[in-house]
Protein backbone atom coordinates (compact mmCIF):
# COMPACT_ATOMS: atom_id res chain seq x y z
CA UNK A 1 39.71 9.35 -5.23
CA UNK A 2 36.56 11.24 -4.39
CA UNK A 3 34.47 10.93 -1.27
CA UNK A 4 31.59 8.72 -1.19
CA UNK A 5 28.61 10.70 -0.40
CA UNK A 6 26.24 8.69 2.20
CA UNK A 7 22.77 9.20 2.76
CA UNK A 8 21.39 10.62 6.02
CA UNK A 9 19.61 8.09 8.01
CA UNK A 10 16.32 9.65 7.23
CA UNK A 11 17.01 9.21 3.47
CA UNK A 12 18.12 5.70 4.03
CA UNK A 13 15.30 4.27 5.82
CA UNK A 14 12.93 6.43 3.56
CA UNK A 15 14.67 4.55 0.68
CA UNK A 16 13.83 1.39 2.28
CA UNK A 17 10.24 2.38 2.76
CA UNK A 18 10.02 2.90 -0.92
CA UNK A 19 11.58 -0.38 -1.76
CA UNK A 20 9.08 -2.14 0.75
CA UNK A 21 5.94 -0.38 -1.15
CA UNK A 22 7.01 -2.34 -4.38
CA UNK A 23 5.42 -5.26 -2.70
CA UNK A 24 2.01 -3.76 -2.45
CA UNK A 25 -0.82 -5.65 -3.78
CA UNK A 26 -3.30 -2.92 -4.16
CA UNK A 27 -3.17 -0.98 -7.49
CA UNK A 28 -4.78 1.98 -6.02
CA UNK A 29 -1.59 3.01 -4.16
CA UNK A 30 1.88 1.44 -3.33
CA UNK A 31 2.57 2.35 0.10
CA UNK A 32 5.65 1.31 2.29
CA UNK A 33 6.37 1.67 6.07
CA UNK A 34 9.49 0.90 8.04
CA UNK A 35 9.69 1.10 11.81
CA UNK A 36 12.85 1.99 13.16
CA UNK A 37 14.55 2.38 16.82
CA UNK A 38 18.24 3.39 17.57
CA UNK A 39 18.77 3.15 13.53
CA UNK A 40 17.84 -0.53 13.62
CA UNK A 41 14.94 -1.75 11.46
CA UNK A 42 12.39 -3.73 13.55
CA UNK A 43 9.64 -4.39 11.02
CA UNK A 44 8.16 -3.46 7.81
CA UNK A 45 4.78 -3.43 5.93
CA UNK A 46 3.22 -2.42 2.81
CA UNK A 47 -0.57 -2.35 1.86
CA UNK A 48 -2.16 -5.53 0.87
CA UNK A 49 -4.81 -8.02 2.06
CA UNK A 50 -4.67 -9.93 5.15
CA UNK A 51 -2.74 -12.84 5.39
CA UNK A 52 -4.23 -15.80 3.50
CA UNK A 53 -6.84 -13.69 1.76
CA UNK A 54 -6.92 -12.89 -1.86
CA UNK A 55 -5.02 -9.73 -2.81
CA UNK A 56 -6.60 -6.63 -4.83
CA UNK A 57 -4.44 -7.68 -7.83
CA UNK A 58 -5.98 -11.09 -7.71
CA UNK A 59 -9.40 -10.55 -6.90
CA UNK A 60 -9.88 -6.93 -7.44
CA UNK A 61 -10.32 -3.94 -4.70
CA UNK A 62 -13.55 -3.59 -2.57
CA UNK A 63 -14.40 0.19 -2.93
CA UNK A 64 -16.49 1.67 -0.11
CA UNK A 65 -16.34 5.49 0.04
CA UNK A 66 -13.70 5.92 -2.19
CA UNK A 67 -11.26 3.58 -0.02
CA UNK A 68 -10.24 -0.06 -0.77
CA UNK A 69 -11.89 -2.27 2.12
CA UNK A 70 -9.48 -5.36 1.10
CA UNK A 71 -6.34 -3.99 1.97
CA UNK A 72 -4.71 -3.11 5.41
CA UNK A 73 -2.40 0.00 5.23
CA UNK A 74 1.10 -0.16 5.21
CA UNK A 75 1.39 1.36 8.82
CA UNK A 76 -0.83 -1.20 10.25
CA UNK A 77 0.84 -3.98 8.47
CA UNK A 78 4.12 -3.09 10.09
CA UNK A 79 2.60 -2.51 13.75
CA UNK A 80 0.70 -5.75 13.32
CA UNK A 81 4.06 -7.52 12.48
CA UNK A 82 5.90 -6.22 15.53
CA UNK A 83 2.98 -7.31 17.73
CA UNK A 84 2.70 -10.68 15.90
CA UNK A 85 6.58 -11.47 16.54
CA UNK A 86 6.53 -9.83 20.09
CA UNK A 87 8.80 -6.77 19.25
CA UNK A 88 8.60 -3.66 21.09
CA UNK A 89 8.31 -0.47 18.76
CA UNK A 90 7.68 2.02 21.62
CA UNK A 91 9.96 4.91 21.06
CA UNK A 92 10.58 4.25 17.61
CA UNK A 93 10.24 6.18 14.30
CA UNK A 94 8.19 5.07 11.46
CA UNK A 95 8.97 6.03 7.99
CA UNK A 96 6.30 5.86 5.59
CA UNK A 97 5.82 6.64 1.57
CA UNK A 98 2.62 8.52 2.37
CA UNK A 99 1.02 10.57 5.45
CA UNK A 100 -0.90 8.55 7.60
CA UNK A 101 -4.50 8.25 7.70
CA UNK A 102 -6.54 9.13 10.97
CA UNK A 103 -6.69 5.28 11.70
CA UNK A 104 -3.12 4.72 11.06
CA UNK A 105 -2.36 7.86 13.06
CA UNK A 106 -4.20 6.50 16.04
CA UNK A 107 -2.54 3.11 15.84
CA UNK A 108 0.81 4.79 15.79
CA UNK A 109 0.27 7.08 18.70
CA UNK A 110 -0.98 4.00 20.73
CA UNK A 111 1.83 1.90 19.64
CA UNK A 112 4.14 4.33 21.34
CA UNK A 113 5.85 5.48 18.34
CA UNK A 114 7.45 9.01 18.84
CA UNK A 115 8.37 10.27 15.10
CA UNK A 116 6.61 9.92 11.86
CA UNK A 117 8.54 10.63 8.89
CA UNK A 118 6.36 10.67 5.42
CA UNK A 119 6.73 11.57 1.97
CA UNK A 120 3.68 11.94 0.01
CA UNK A 121 0.56 14.07 1.17
CA UNK A 122 -2.44 12.57 2.26
CA UNK A 123 -5.50 14.73 2.71
CA UNK A 124 -6.16 13.92 6.32
CA UNK A 125 -5.83 17.22 8.61
CA UNK A 126 -7.36 15.39 11.68
CA UNK A 127 -4.44 12.82 11.50
CA UNK A 128 -1.96 15.55 11.80
CA UNK A 129 -3.81 17.32 14.47
CA UNK A 130 -3.99 13.91 16.47
CA UNK A 131 -0.02 13.13 16.02
CA UNK A 132 0.67 17.02 17.17
CA UNK A 133 -1.77 16.76 19.97
CA UNK A 134 -0.18 13.45 21.04
CA UNK A 135 3.21 14.91 21.17
CA UNK A 136 4.58 12.98 18.06
CA UNK A 137 7.15 14.49 15.83
CA UNK A 138 5.73 14.81 12.12
CA UNK A 139 8.00 15.44 9.43
CA UNK A 140 7.39 15.87 5.59
CA UNK A 141 10.35 14.26 3.87
CA UNK A 142 10.93 15.69 0.52
CA UNK A 143 10.30 13.63 -2.49
CA UNK A 144 12.98 13.29 -5.16
């Protein structure tokens, strides 16, 4: 009988973030986020339109300055889900399929998260600088 190889916790939660990304409703990028504390999933989020509004897949993207204005980012949706359900995420870790942008980085900081584990690059050095300055651990997760 061969020993089963179990994923590390980071592999496990990043795999879930990748699964969550499949719910994305913006065709420009499929991004997923999972917020975890003490190895327990607190919330998830993916990029898509605000609740009750048409999704990019149905109504098309609204592009300004090369960004879709219709969709919220996965990190924003995960943080907002916690707020709407009264779940404290302070001290937790967010697993994201892409590096957070500047706006999401600031929200992550103010939400009290302590670690950001991300897989895909996003060209936002300012976001990385803010996270570092705030003392958050920022870890690049290797893509498979």
